[in-house]
Amino acid sequence: QIVALAFAIPLGLLSAYKEGKRFDRITSSVLFTAVSFPAFALALIFSLVFSVMLGLVDPIGYVSPFDSLGTHLKLMILPVASMAIGLTSSYTRLLRTDVIATLKEDYVTMAASKGISNRRVLWMHVFRPSSTTLLTSAALNMGGLIGGTIIVEIIFVIPGIGYEIAYSIGARQIVAMQTLIALVSFAYVFFNSTVDLITNITDPRTRERRV
């Protein structure tokens, strides 16, 4: 999620600001193509190209960051990229749509007319009210990422929650399965509640009016 948002936010803002121009057209085409690849397909492609053919990264394995941070980060490059590319595409397109609508608001035009730099207008006056949909989507995907990356974790042999859920089902470990599913359910509730609080801060229009 962090990687996806780190790329999606600047790409979404810049694409919306340059709507219809070459950068926007190229970015939209690339993202439209990238979002059509599921995470497990990208995981197989990356594993084949970068691990088997080029030998740049080990195809499988997991090392705790407490044992070796460098090795851990190196082994996480391919699985993180596999899951982040699709999310980056979705987040960028969502943010681009909202930013384009916000740029047409009167208060944005007034801010620009006062001589405020374009960068400051985008970050201070446009991004905050345009981030509601992005935050909501990120919260929903966060719960899904915790337990929904089973195939990617199996491909790269990563002992994540999705992998453990699949193993507990196969081994008929009912207590472990119930615990892990409850953890994923709690994650959905937690992240959605957190986003509701953040939304009230970032977009004053969502706050209840006090009489």
N, C-alpha and C. Protein backbone atom coordinates (compact mmCIF):
# COMPACT_ATOMS: atom_id res chain seq x y z
N GLN A 1 0.82 -1.20 0.00
CA GLN A 1 0.00 0.00 0.00
C GLN A 1 0.86 1.26 0.00
N ILE A 2 1.89 1.29 0.83
CA ILE A 2 2.74 2.47 0.93
C ILE A 2 3.42 2.75 -0.40
N VAL A 3 3.94 1.70 -1.03
CA VAL A 3 4.60 1.86 -2.33
C VAL A 3 3.61 2.33 -3.38
N ALA A 4 2.42 1.72 -3.40
CA ALA A 4 1.41 2.09 -4.39
C ALA A 4 0.98 3.54 -4.22
N LEU A 5 0.74 3.97 -3.00
CA LEU A 5 0.32 5.35 -2.75
C LEU A 5 1.45 6.33 -3.05
N ALA A 6 2.69 5.93 -2.77
CA ALA A 6 3.83 6.82 -3.02
C ALA A 6 3.96 7.15 -4.50
N PHE A 7 3.62 6.20 -5.37
CA PHE A 7 3.67 6.45 -6.81
C PHE A 7 2.36 7.04 -7.32
N ALA A 8 1.24 6.60 -6.77
CA ALA A 8 -0.07 6.99 -7.31
C ALA A 8 -0.38 8.47 -7.04
N ILE A 9 -0.02 8.98 -5.87
CA ILE A 9 -0.38 10.36 -5.53
C ILE A 9 0.28 11.38 -6.47
N PRO A 10 1.61 11.35 -6.66
CA PRO A 10 2.19 12.32 -7.60
C PRO A 10 1.76 12.09 -9.04
N LEU A 11 1.60 10.82 -9.44
CA LEU A 11 1.16 10.54 -10.81
C LEU A 11 -0.26 11.03 -11.04
N GLY A 12 -1.14 10.82 -10.06
CA GLY A 12 -2.52 11.26 -10.21
C GLY A 12 -2.64 12.77 -10.27
N LEU A 13 -1.89 13.47 -9.42
CA LEU A 13 -1.92 14.93 -9.42
C LEU A 13 -1.37 15.50 -10.72
N LEU A 14 -0.24 14.96 -11.17
CA LEU A 14 0.38 15.48 -12.38
C LEU A 14 -0.43 15.16 -13.62
N SER A 15 -1.02 13.96 -13.68
CA SER A 15 -1.85 13.59 -14.83
C SER A 15 -3.08 14.48 -14.93
N ALA A 16 -3.69 14.78 -13.77
CA ALA A 16 -4.86 15.65 -13.78
C ALA A 16 -4.49 17.08 -14.17
N TYR A 17 -3.36 17.55 -13.67
CA TYR A 17 -2.91 18.91 -13.99
C TYR A 17 -2.60 19.05 -15.48
N LYS A 18 -2.05 17.97 -16.08
CA LYS A 18 -1.71 17.97 -17.50
C LYS A 18 -2.75 17.20 -18.31
N GLU A 19 -4.00 17.32 -17.94
CA GLU A 19 -5.08 16.59 -18.60
C GLU A 19 -5.06 16.83 -20.12
N GLY A 20 -5.09 15.70 -20.86
CA GLY A 20 -5.13 15.77 -22.32
C GLY A 20 -3.79 15.95 -22.98
N LYS A 21 -2.74 16.22 -22.23
CA LYS A 21 -1.41 16.41 -22.80
C LYS A 21 -0.68 15.07 -22.94
N ARG A 22 0.52 15.13 -23.50
CA ARG A 22 1.25 13.90 -23.80
C ARG A 22 1.51 13.07 -22.55
N PHE A 23 1.93 13.71 -21.45
CA PHE A 23 2.20 12.97 -20.22
C PHE A 23 0.96 12.24 -19.74
N ASP A 24 -0.17 12.91 -19.78
CA ASP A 24 -1.43 12.31 -19.33
C ASP A 24 -1.82 11.14 -20.21
N ARG A 25 -1.68 11.29 -21.53
CA ARG A 25 -2.05 10.21 -22.44
C ARG A 25 -1.15 8.99 -22.26
N ILE A 26 0.15 9.23 -22.13
CA ILE A 26 1.09 8.10 -21.96
C ILE A 26 0.84 7.40 -20.62
N THR A 27 0.69 8.20 -19.56
CA THR A 27 0.46 7.62 -18.24
C THR A 27 -0.83 6.82 -18.20
N SER A 28 -1.89 7.35 -18.79
CA SER A 28 -3.19 6.67 -18.80
C SER A 28 -3.09 5.35 -19.57
N SER A 29 -2.37 5.35 -20.69
CA SER A 29 -2.23 4.13 -21.49
C SER A 29 -1.44 3.06 -20.73
N VAL A 30 -0.34 3.48 -20.10
CA VAL A 30 0.48 2.52 -19.35
C VAL A 30 -0.29 1.96 -18.16
N LEU A 31 -1.00 2.81 -17.44
CA LEU A 31 -1.75 2.36 -16.27
C LEU A 31 -2.91 1.47 -16.67
N PHE A 32 -3.56 1.79 -17.77
CA PHE A 32 -4.66 0.95 -18.25
C PHE A 32 -4.16 -0.44 -18.59
N THR A 33 -2.96 -0.53 -19.17
CA THR A 33 -2.37 -1.83 -19.49
C THR A 33 -1.96 -2.57 -18.22
N ALA A 34 -1.35 -1.84 -17.28
CA ALA A 34 -0.85 -2.47 -16.06
C ALA A 34 -1.97 -3.03 -15.20
N VAL A 35 -3.10 -2.32 -15.13
CA VAL A 35 -4.19 -2.76 -14.25
C VAL A 35 -4.85 -4.02 -14.76
N SER A 36 -4.63 -4.36 -16.04
CA SER A 36 -5.25 -5.56 -16.60
C SER A 36 -4.51 -6.83 -16.21
N PHE A 37 -3.31 -6.70 -15.61
CA PHE A 37 -2.54 -7.87 -15.18
C PHE A 37 -2.82 -8.13 -13.70
N PRO A 38 -3.33 -9.31 -13.36
CA PRO A 38 -3.51 -9.63 -11.94
C PRO A 38 -2.17 -9.80 -11.24
N ALA A 39 -2.19 -9.69 -9.93
CA ALA A 39 -0.95 -9.73 -9.16
C ALA A 39 -0.21 -11.05 -9.33
N PHE A 40 -0.93 -12.16 -9.37
CA PHE A 40 -0.25 -13.45 -9.47
C PHE A 40 0.43 -13.60 -10.84
N ALA A 41 -0.17 -13.01 -11.91
CA ALA A 41 0.45 -13.08 -13.23
C ALA A 41 1.74 -12.27 -13.26
N LEU A 42 1.70 -11.08 -12.66
CA LEU A 42 2.92 -10.27 -12.56
C LEU A 42 3.99 -10.97 -11.73
N ALA A 43 3.55 -11.66 -10.67
CA ALA A 43 4.50 -12.39 -9.83
C ALA A 43 5.22 -13.47 -10.63
N LEU A 44 4.48 -14.21 -11.45
CA LEU A 44 5.10 -15.25 -12.29
C LEU A 44 6.03 -14.65 -13.33
N ILE A 45 5.60 -13.54 -13.97
CA ILE A 45 6.43 -12.89 -14.98
C ILE A 45 7.72 -12.35 -14.37
N PHE A 46 7.60 -11.65 -13.25
CA PHE A 46 8.78 -11.10 -12.59
C PHE A 46 9.72 -12.20 -12.12
N SER A 47 9.16 -13.26 -11.58
CA SER A 47 9.99 -14.37 -11.11
C SER A 47 10.75 -15.01 -12.27
N LEU A 48 10.07 -15.16 -13.41
CA LEU A 48 10.71 -15.75 -14.58
C LEU A 48 11.82 -14.86 -15.13
N VAL A 49 11.50 -13.56 -15.28
CA VAL A 49 12.44 -12.65 -15.93
C VAL A 49 13.61 -12.29 -15.02
N PHE A 50 13.30 -11.79 -13.82
CA PHE A 50 14.36 -11.26 -12.96
C PHE A 50 15.08 -12.32 -12.14
N SER A 51 14.43 -13.44 -11.89
CA SER A 51 15.07 -14.48 -11.08
C SER A 51 15.67 -15.59 -11.93
N VAL A 52 14.87 -16.13 -12.83
CA VAL A 52 15.33 -17.29 -13.61
C VAL A 52 16.22 -16.85 -14.77
N MET A 53 15.75 -15.88 -15.57
CA MET A 53 16.49 -15.49 -16.77
C MET A 53 17.68 -14.57 -16.47
N LEU A 54 17.48 -13.58 -15.63
CA LEU A 54 18.55 -12.62 -15.35
C LEU A 54 19.34 -12.95 -14.09
N GLY A 55 18.74 -13.69 -13.17
CA GLY A 55 19.43 -14.09 -11.95
C GLY A 55 19.74 -12.94 -11.01
N LEU A 56 18.92 -11.87 -11.04
CA LEU A 56 19.18 -10.71 -10.21
C LEU A 56 18.68 -10.88 -8.77
N VAL A 57 17.60 -11.63 -8.62
CA VAL A 57 16.98 -11.81 -7.30
C VAL A 57 16.64 -13.28 -7.12
N ASP A 58 16.76 -13.76 -5.88
CA ASP A 58 16.37 -15.13 -5.59
C ASP A 58 14.87 -15.31 -5.84
N PRO A 59 14.48 -16.40 -6.53
CA PRO A 59 13.07 -16.57 -6.88
C PRO A 59 12.17 -16.82 -5.69
N ILE A 60 12.67 -17.47 -4.66
CA ILE A 60 11.86 -17.78 -3.50
C ILE A 60 12.68 -17.55 -2.23
N GLY A 61 11.97 -17.53 -1.12
CA GLY A 61 12.66 -17.40 0.16
C GLY A 61 12.17 -16.20 0.94
N TYR A 62 12.39 -16.25 2.23
CA TYR A 62 12.00 -15.15 3.10
C TYR A 62 13.01 -15.05 4.24
N VAL A 63 13.45 -13.83 4.50
CA VAL A 63 14.38 -13.56 5.59
C VAL A 63 13.78 -12.43 6.43
N SER A 64 13.70 -12.63 7.71
CA SER A 64 13.14 -11.62 8.60
C SER A 64 13.97 -10.34 8.57
N PRO A 65 13.34 -9.18 8.63
CA PRO A 65 14.12 -7.93 8.67
C PRO A 65 14.98 -7.81 9.92
N PHE A 66 14.64 -8.55 10.98
CA PHE A 66 15.43 -8.52 12.19
C PHE A 66 16.71 -9.32 12.04
N ASP A 67 16.71 -10.27 11.09
CA ASP A 67 17.92 -11.06 10.83
C ASP A 67 18.85 -10.36 9.85
N SER A 68 18.28 -9.85 8.76
CA SER A 68 19.08 -9.14 7.76
C SER A 68 18.15 -8.21 6.99
N LEU A 69 18.21 -6.93 7.30
CA LEU A 69 17.32 -5.96 6.67
C LEU A 69 17.57 -5.86 5.17
N GLY A 70 18.84 -5.86 4.77
CA GLY A 70 19.17 -5.75 3.35
C GLY A 70 18.65 -6.92 2.54
N THR A 71 18.85 -8.14 3.06
CA THR A 71 18.36 -9.33 2.37
C THR A 71 16.84 -9.35 2.32
N HIS A 72 16.22 -8.93 3.42
CA HIS A 72 14.75 -8.88 3.47
C HIS A 72 14.20 -7.95 2.40
N LEU A 73 14.77 -6.74 2.29
CA LEU A 73 14.29 -5.78 1.31
C LEU A 73 14.52 -6.29 -0.11
N LYS A 74 15.65 -6.94 -0.34
CA LYS A 74 15.94 -7.47 -1.67
C LYS A 74 14.96 -8.55 -2.08
N LEU A 75 14.62 -9.44 -1.13
CA LEU A 75 13.66 -10.51 -1.43
C LEU A 75 12.23 -10.00 -1.57
N MET A 76 11.94 -8.84 -0.98
CA MET A 76 10.58 -8.30 -1.04
C MET A 76 10.32 -7.46 -2.29
N ILE A 77 11.35 -7.17 -3.08
CA ILE A 77 11.18 -6.30 -4.24
C ILE A 77 10.16 -6.87 -5.21
N LEU A 78 10.30 -8.12 -5.60
CA LEU A 78 9.41 -8.71 -6.60
C LEU A 78 7.98 -8.90 -6.09
N PRO A 79 7.77 -9.47 -4.89
CA PRO A 79 6.38 -9.60 -4.42
C PRO A 79 5.70 -8.25 -4.19
N VAL A 80 6.43 -7.27 -3.68
CA VAL A 80 5.84 -5.95 -3.46
C VAL A 80 5.49 -5.31 -4.80
N ALA A 81 6.38 -5.41 -5.78
CA ALA A 81 6.10 -4.85 -7.10
C ALA A 81 4.91 -5.53 -7.75
N SER A 82 4.79 -6.85 -7.55
CA SER A 82 3.67 -7.59 -8.15
C SER A 82 2.33 -7.09 -7.64
N MET A 83 2.26 -6.79 -6.35
CA MET A 83 1.00 -6.33 -5.76
C MET A 83 0.80 -4.83 -5.90
N ALA A 84 1.88 -4.07 -6.00
CA ALA A 84 1.77 -2.60 -6.00
C ALA A 84 1.40 -2.04 -7.36
N ILE A 85 1.76 -2.71 -8.44
CA ILE A 85 1.53 -2.15 -9.78
C ILE A 85 0.04 -1.98 -10.06
N GLY A 86 -0.73 -3.01 -9.79
CA GLY A 86 -2.17 -2.92 -10.03
C GLY A 86 -2.83 -1.88 -9.14
N LEU A 87 -2.41 -1.82 -7.87
CA LEU A 87 -2.97 -0.83 -6.96
C LEU A 87 -2.59 0.59 -7.38
N THR A 88 -1.35 0.76 -7.83
CA THR A 88 -0.92 2.08 -8.30
C THR A 88 -1.77 2.56 -9.46
N SER A 89 -2.06 1.66 -10.37
CA SER A 89 -2.89 2.01 -11.53
C SER A 89 -4.28 2.44 -11.09
N SER A 90 -4.89 1.67 -10.21
CA SER A 90 -6.25 1.99 -9.74
C SER A 90 -6.27 3.30 -8.97
N TYR A 91 -5.32 3.47 -8.05
CA TYR A 91 -5.29 4.68 -7.23
C TYR A 91 -5.04 5.93 -8.08
N THR A 92 -4.14 5.81 -9.05
CA THR A 92 -3.83 6.96 -9.90
C THR A 92 -5.06 7.40 -10.69
N ARG A 93 -5.78 6.46 -11.23
CA ARG A 93 -6.97 6.79 -12.02
C ARG A 93 -8.07 7.40 -11.13
N LEU A 94 -8.23 6.87 -9.92
CA LEU A 94 -9.22 7.44 -9.01
C LEU A 94 -8.87 8.88 -8.63
N LEU A 95 -7.61 9.09 -8.26
CA LEU A 95 -7.18 10.42 -7.84
C LEU A 95 -7.24 11.40 -9.01
N ARG A 96 -6.86 10.96 -10.18
CA ARG A 96 -6.88 11.83 -11.37
C ARG A 96 -8.30 12.34 -11.62
N THR A 97 -9.28 11.45 -11.53
CA THR A 97 -10.67 11.86 -11.78
C THR A 97 -11.14 12.90 -10.77
N ASP A 98 -10.83 12.68 -9.49
CA ASP A 98 -11.27 13.61 -8.45
C ASP A 98 -10.53 14.95 -8.54
N VAL A 99 -9.24 14.90 -8.88
CA VAL A 99 -8.46 16.13 -8.98
C VAL A 99 -8.95 16.99 -10.15
N ILE A 100 -9.28 16.35 -11.27
CA ILE A 100 -9.79 17.10 -12.42
C ILE A 100 -11.07 17.85 -12.04
N ALA A 101 -11.94 17.19 -11.28
CA ALA A 101 -13.17 17.85 -10.84
C ALA A 101 -12.88 18.98 -9.86
N THR A 102 -11.93 18.78 -8.95
CA THR A 102 -11.59 19.80 -7.96
C THR A 102 -10.94 21.02 -8.60
N LEU A 103 -10.14 20.80 -9.64
CA LEU A 103 -9.47 21.91 -10.31
C LEU A 103 -10.45 22.91 -10.92
N LYS A 104 -11.69 22.48 -11.13
CA LYS A 104 -12.69 23.35 -11.72
C LYS A 104 -13.47 24.15 -10.67
N GLU A 105 -13.16 23.92 -9.40
CA GLU A 105 -13.85 24.64 -8.33
C GLU A 105 -13.41 26.11 -8.29
N ASP A 106 -14.30 26.96 -7.83
CA ASP A 106 -14.02 28.40 -7.80
C ASP A 106 -12.89 28.75 -6.86
N TYR A 107 -12.82 28.08 -5.71
CA TYR A 107 -11.79 28.44 -4.73
C TYR A 107 -10.39 28.10 -5.24
N VAL A 108 -10.29 27.08 -6.12
CA VAL A 108 -8.99 26.76 -6.71
C VAL A 108 -8.58 27.84 -7.69
N THR A 109 -9.52 28.29 -8.50
CA THR A 109 -9.24 29.38 -9.43
C THR A 109 -8.83 30.65 -8.70
N MET A 110 -9.50 30.92 -7.58
CA MET A 110 -9.16 32.11 -6.79
C MET A 110 -7.76 31.99 -6.20
N ALA A 111 -7.41 30.79 -5.72
CA ALA A 111 -6.08 30.59 -5.14
C ALA A 111 -5.00 30.79 -6.20
N ALA A 112 -5.26 30.30 -7.41
CA ALA A 112 -4.28 30.47 -8.49
C ALA A 112 -4.16 31.93 -8.91
N SER A 113 -5.28 32.65 -8.87
CA SER A 113 -5.27 34.06 -9.27
C SER A 113 -4.51 34.94 -8.29
N LYS A 114 -4.31 34.46 -7.06
CA LYS A 114 -3.58 35.23 -6.05
C LYS A 114 -2.07 35.09 -6.21
N GLY A 115 -1.64 34.32 -7.20
CA GLY A 115 -0.21 34.17 -7.45
C GLY A 115 0.43 33.02 -6.72
N ILE A 116 -0.37 32.17 -6.10
CA ILE A 116 0.18 30.99 -5.41
C ILE A 116 0.72 30.02 -6.45
N SER A 117 1.87 29.41 -6.18
CA SER A 117 2.50 28.51 -7.14
C SER A 117 1.60 27.31 -7.42
N ASN A 118 1.76 26.76 -8.62
CA ASN A 118 0.93 25.62 -9.02
C ASN A 118 1.14 24.43 -8.09
N ARG A 119 2.37 24.22 -7.66
CA ARG A 119 2.66 23.10 -6.76
C ARG A 119 1.92 23.26 -5.44
N ARG A 120 1.92 24.46 -4.91
CA ARG A 120 1.24 24.71 -3.64
C ARG A 120 -0.28 24.58 -3.79
N VAL A 121 -0.80 25.05 -4.91
CA VAL A 121 -2.24 24.92 -5.16
C VAL A 121 -2.64 23.45 -5.20
N LEU A 122 -1.83 22.64 -5.91
CA LEU A 122 -2.16 21.22 -6.03
C LEU A 122 -2.13 20.51 -4.69
N TRP A 123 -1.07 20.78 -3.90
CA TRP A 123 -0.91 20.04 -2.65
C TRP A 123 -1.79 20.57 -1.52
N MET A 124 -1.94 21.89 -1.44
CA MET A 124 -2.63 22.49 -0.31
C MET A 124 -4.13 22.68 -0.55
N HIS A 125 -4.52 22.95 -1.77
CA HIS A 125 -5.92 23.29 -2.04
C HIS A 125 -6.67 22.22 -2.84
N VAL A 126 -5.95 21.38 -3.56
CA VAL A 126 -6.61 20.40 -4.43
C VAL A 126 -6.53 18.99 -3.88
N PHE A 127 -5.37 18.60 -3.39
CA PHE A 127 -5.17 17.21 -2.99
C PHE A 127 -6.05 16.80 -1.82
N ARG A 128 -6.15 17.64 -0.80
CA ARG A 128 -6.91 17.26 0.40
C ARG A 128 -8.37 16.94 0.09
N PRO A 129 -9.11 17.81 -0.56
CA PRO A 129 -10.52 17.46 -0.84
C PRO A 129 -10.68 16.39 -1.90
N SER A 130 -9.62 16.09 -2.64
CA SER A 130 -9.71 15.08 -3.70
C SER A 130 -9.28 13.69 -3.22
N SER A 131 -8.84 13.59 -1.98
CA SER A 131 -8.27 12.33 -1.50
C SER A 131 -9.28 11.41 -0.82
N THR A 132 -10.54 11.82 -0.71
CA THR A 132 -11.52 11.01 0.00
C THR A 132 -11.72 9.65 -0.64
N THR A 133 -11.95 9.64 -1.94
CA THR A 133 -12.15 8.36 -2.65
C THR A 133 -10.90 7.51 -2.59
N LEU A 134 -9.74 8.13 -2.71
CA LEU A 134 -8.48 7.40 -2.66
C LEU A 134 -8.29 6.74 -1.30
N LEU A 135 -8.56 7.46 -0.22
CA LEU A 135 -8.40 6.91 1.12
C LEU A 135 -9.37 5.76 1.37
N THR A 136 -10.60 5.92 0.92
CA THR A 136 -11.60 4.86 1.10
C THR A 136 -11.20 3.60 0.36
N SER A 137 -10.75 3.76 -0.87
CA SER A 137 -10.31 2.60 -1.66
C SER A 137 -9.10 1.94 -1.03
N ALA A 138 -8.16 2.75 -0.53
CA ALA A 138 -6.97 2.19 0.11
C ALA A 138 -7.33 1.39 1.36
N ALA A 139 -8.32 1.88 2.13
CA ALA A 139 -8.74 1.16 3.34
C ALA A 139 -9.37 -0.18 2.99
N LEU A 140 -10.23 -0.19 1.97
CA LEU A 140 -10.86 -1.45 1.56
C LEU A 140 -9.83 -2.44 1.04
N ASN A 141 -8.86 -1.94 0.29
CA ASN A 141 -7.83 -2.83 -0.25
C ASN A 141 -6.86 -3.32 0.82
N MET A 142 -6.71 -2.53 1.88
CA MET A 142 -5.78 -2.92 2.94
C MET A 142 -6.21 -4.20 3.61
N GLY A 143 -7.49 -4.30 3.91
CA GLY A 143 -7.98 -5.55 4.50
C GLY A 143 -7.84 -6.71 3.56
N GLY A 144 -8.09 -6.47 2.26
CA GLY A 144 -7.95 -7.53 1.28
C GLY A 144 -6.52 -7.97 1.09
N LEU A 145 -5.58 -7.02 1.19
CA LEU A 145 -4.17 -7.37 1.02
C LEU A 145 -3.66 -8.27 2.13
N ILE A 146 -4.21 -8.08 3.33
CA ILE A 146 -3.74 -8.87 4.46
C ILE A 146 -4.02 -10.36 4.25
N GLY A 147 -5.21 -10.67 3.76
CA GLY A 147 -5.55 -12.08 3.59
C GLY A 147 -5.75 -12.51 2.15
N GLY A 148 -5.65 -11.56 1.21
CA GLY A 148 -5.97 -11.90 -0.17
C GLY A 148 -4.78 -12.06 -1.09
N THR A 149 -3.59 -12.17 -0.55
CA THR A 149 -2.40 -12.32 -1.37
C THR A 149 -1.85 -13.74 -1.30
N ILE A 150 -2.76 -14.68 -1.23
CA ILE A 150 -2.37 -16.08 -1.03
C ILE A 150 -1.47 -16.57 -2.15
N ILE A 151 -1.89 -16.34 -3.40
CA ILE A 151 -1.14 -16.89 -4.54
C ILE A 151 0.25 -16.27 -4.62
N VAL A 152 0.34 -14.96 -4.43
CA VAL A 152 1.65 -14.30 -4.48
C VAL A 152 2.56 -14.82 -3.38
N GLU A 153 2.01 -15.02 -2.19
CA GLU A 153 2.81 -15.53 -1.08
C GLU A 153 3.25 -16.97 -1.33
N ILE A 154 2.41 -17.75 -1.99
CA ILE A 154 2.78 -19.13 -2.31
C ILE A 154 3.87 -19.14 -3.37
N ILE A 155 3.78 -18.27 -4.38
CA ILE A 155 4.78 -18.22 -5.44
C ILE A 155 6.16 -17.89 -4.89
N PHE A 156 6.23 -16.93 -3.99
CA PHE A 156 7.52 -16.49 -3.45
C PHE A 156 7.83 -17.13 -2.09
N VAL A 157 6.98 -18.05 -1.64
CA VAL A 157 7.18 -18.77 -0.37
C VAL A 157 7.38 -17.77 0.77
N ILE A 158 6.39 -16.91 0.94
CA ILE A 158 6.42 -15.92 2.02
C ILE A 158 5.39 -16.34 3.08
N PRO A 159 5.79 -16.50 4.31
CA PRO A 159 4.87 -16.95 5.36
C PRO A 159 3.96 -15.83 5.85
N GLY A 160 3.13 -15.30 4.96
CA GLY A 160 2.20 -14.25 5.34
C GLY A 160 0.89 -14.81 5.84
N ILE A 161 -0.06 -13.94 6.15
CA ILE A 161 -1.34 -14.38 6.68
C ILE A 161 -2.12 -15.17 5.63
N GLY A 162 -2.08 -14.70 4.38
CA GLY A 162 -2.78 -15.44 3.32
C GLY A 162 -2.23 -16.85 3.17
N TYR A 163 -0.92 -16.98 3.21
CA TYR A 163 -0.28 -18.30 3.12
C TYR A 163 -0.67 -19.17 4.31
N GLU A 164 -0.69 -18.58 5.49
CA GLU A 164 -1.04 -19.33 6.69
C GLU A 164 -2.52 -19.76 6.68
N ILE A 165 -3.40 -18.91 6.13
CA ILE A 165 -4.81 -19.29 6.02
C ILE A 165 -4.96 -20.50 5.10
N ALA A 166 -4.28 -20.47 3.96
CA ALA A 166 -4.35 -21.59 3.02
C ALA A 166 -3.80 -22.86 3.66
N TYR A 167 -2.70 -22.73 4.40
CA TYR A 167 -2.11 -23.91 5.05
C TYR A 167 -3.03 -24.47 6.14
N SER A 168 -3.64 -23.57 6.93
CA SER A 168 -4.52 -24.04 8.00
C SER A 168 -5.76 -24.73 7.44
N ILE A 169 -6.25 -24.25 6.29
CA ILE A 169 -7.40 -24.90 5.67
C ILE A 169 -7.01 -26.29 5.18
N GLY A 170 -5.85 -26.39 4.53
CA GLY A 170 -5.40 -27.68 4.03
C GLY A 170 -5.10 -28.66 5.16
N ALA A 171 -4.56 -28.15 6.26
CA ALA A 171 -4.22 -29.01 7.39
C ALA A 171 -5.38 -29.20 8.36
N ARG A 172 -6.52 -28.57 8.07
CA ARG A 172 -7.72 -28.65 8.91
C ARG A 172 -7.46 -28.20 10.34
N GLN A 173 -6.69 -27.14 10.45
CA GLN A 173 -6.43 -26.54 11.76
C GLN A 173 -7.50 -25.47 12.00
N ILE A 174 -8.61 -25.90 12.56
CA ILE A 174 -9.79 -25.05 12.67
C ILE A 174 -9.53 -23.82 13.53
N VAL A 175 -8.87 -24.00 14.66
CA VAL A 175 -8.64 -22.88 15.57
C VAL A 175 -7.74 -21.83 14.92
N ALA A 176 -6.67 -22.28 14.26
CA ALA A 176 -5.77 -21.34 13.59
C ALA A 176 -6.49 -20.61 12.46
N MET A 177 -7.32 -21.33 11.71
CA MET A 177 -8.06 -20.73 10.60
C MET A 177 -9.03 -19.67 11.13
N GLN A 178 -9.76 -19.99 12.19
CA GLN A 178 -10.71 -19.03 12.75
C GLN A 178 -9.99 -17.79 13.28
N THR A 179 -8.84 -17.98 13.89
CA THR A 179 -8.07 -16.85 14.42
C THR A 179 -7.60 -15.92 13.31
N LEU A 180 -7.08 -16.50 12.24
CA LEU A 180 -6.56 -15.71 11.14
C LEU A 180 -7.69 -14.96 10.41
N ILE A 181 -8.82 -15.63 10.22
CA ILE A 181 -9.96 -14.98 9.56
C ILE A 181 -10.50 -13.85 10.43
N ALA A 182 -10.53 -14.06 11.72
CA ALA A 182 -10.96 -13.00 12.64
C ALA A 182 -10.00 -11.81 12.58
N LEU A 183 -8.72 -12.09 12.42
CA LEU A 183 -7.72 -11.02 12.31
C LEU A 183 -7.95 -10.19 11.04
N VAL A 184 -8.24 -10.86 9.94
CA VAL A 184 -8.50 -10.16 8.69
C VAL A 184 -9.78 -9.31 8.81
N SER A 185 -10.80 -9.88 9.46
CA SER A 185 -12.05 -9.14 9.65
C SER A 185 -11.82 -7.89 10.51
N PHE A 186 -11.02 -8.05 11.55
CA PHE A 186 -10.69 -6.90 12.41
C PHE A 186 -9.95 -5.84 11.61
N ALA A 187 -9.08 -6.27 10.70
CA ALA A 187 -8.32 -5.32 9.88
C ALA A 187 -9.25 -4.49 9.01
N TYR A 188 -10.27 -5.13 8.42
CA TYR A 188 -11.25 -4.40 7.61
C TYR A 188 -11.92 -3.30 8.44
N VAL A 189 -12.38 -3.67 9.63
CA VAL A 189 -13.09 -2.71 10.48
C VAL A 189 -12.14 -1.59 10.92
N PHE A 190 -10.94 -1.96 11.32
CA PHE A 190 -9.97 -0.98 11.83
C PHE A 190 -9.60 0.04 10.77
N PHE A 191 -9.24 -0.43 9.58
CA PHE A 191 -8.79 0.49 8.54
C PHE A 191 -9.92 1.36 8.02
N ASN A 192 -11.13 0.81 7.92
CA ASN A 192 -12.25 1.63 7.48
C ASN A 192 -12.61 2.69 8.52
N SER A 193 -12.55 2.33 9.80
CA SER A 193 -12.81 3.32 10.85
C SER A 193 -11.75 4.41 10.86
N THR A 194 -10.49 4.00 10.64
CA THR A 194 -9.40 4.98 10.59
C THR A 194 -9.59 5.95 9.43
N VAL A 195 -10.00 5.44 8.28
CA VAL A 195 -10.21 6.31 7.12
C VAL A 195 -11.35 7.29 7.36
N ASP A 196 -12.40 6.86 8.06
CA ASP A 196 -13.50 7.78 8.39
C ASP A 196 -13.00 8.95 9.22
N LEU A 197 -12.10 8.67 10.15
CA LEU A 197 -11.54 9.74 10.98
C LEU A 197 -10.64 10.67 10.16
N ILE A 198 -9.82 10.07 9.30
CA ILE A 198 -8.90 10.87 8.48
C ILE A 198 -9.68 11.73 7.50
N THR A 199 -10.76 11.18 6.95
CA THR A 199 -11.56 11.92 5.98
C THR A 199 -12.16 13.17 6.59
N ASN A 200 -12.59 13.08 7.85
CA ASN A 200 -13.15 14.25 8.53
C ASN A 200 -12.11 15.36 8.70
N ILE A 201 -10.83 14.96 8.76
CA ILE A 201 -9.76 15.94 8.91
C ILE A 201 -9.36 16.54 7.57
N THR A 202 -9.22 15.67 6.55
CA THR A 202 -8.74 16.14 5.25
C THR A 202 -9.80 16.88 4.46
N ASP A 203 -11.07 16.53 4.64
CA ASP A 203 -12.13 17.18 3.87
C ASP A 203 -13.20 17.70 4.81
N PRO A 204 -13.18 18.98 5.12
CA PRO A 204 -14.17 19.55 6.05
C PRO A 204 -15.61 19.40 5.59
N ARG A 205 -15.83 19.18 4.28
CA ARG A 205 -17.18 19.06 3.77
C ARG A 205 -17.90 17.82 4.28
N THR A 206 -17.14 16.84 4.77
CA THR A 206 -17.74 15.61 5.27
C THR A 206 -18.15 15.70 6.73
N ARG A 207 -17.78 16.76 7.40
CA ARG A 207 -18.11 16.91 8.82
C ARG A 207 -19.57 17.28 8.96
N GLU A 208 -20.14 16.83 10.05
CA GLU A 208 -21.55 17.17 10.33
C GLU A 208 -21.64 18.64 10.72
N ARG A 209 -22.66 19.27 10.21
CA ARG A 209 -22.88 20.66 10.55
C ARG A 209 -23.47 20.79 11.94
N ARG A 210 -22.90 21.67 12.70
CA ARG A 210 -23.40 21.89 14.05
C ARG A 210 -24.43 23.00 14.02
N VAL A 211 -25.54 22.78 14.68
CA VAL A 211 -26.61 23.78 14.73
C VAL A 211 -26.25 24.83 15.79
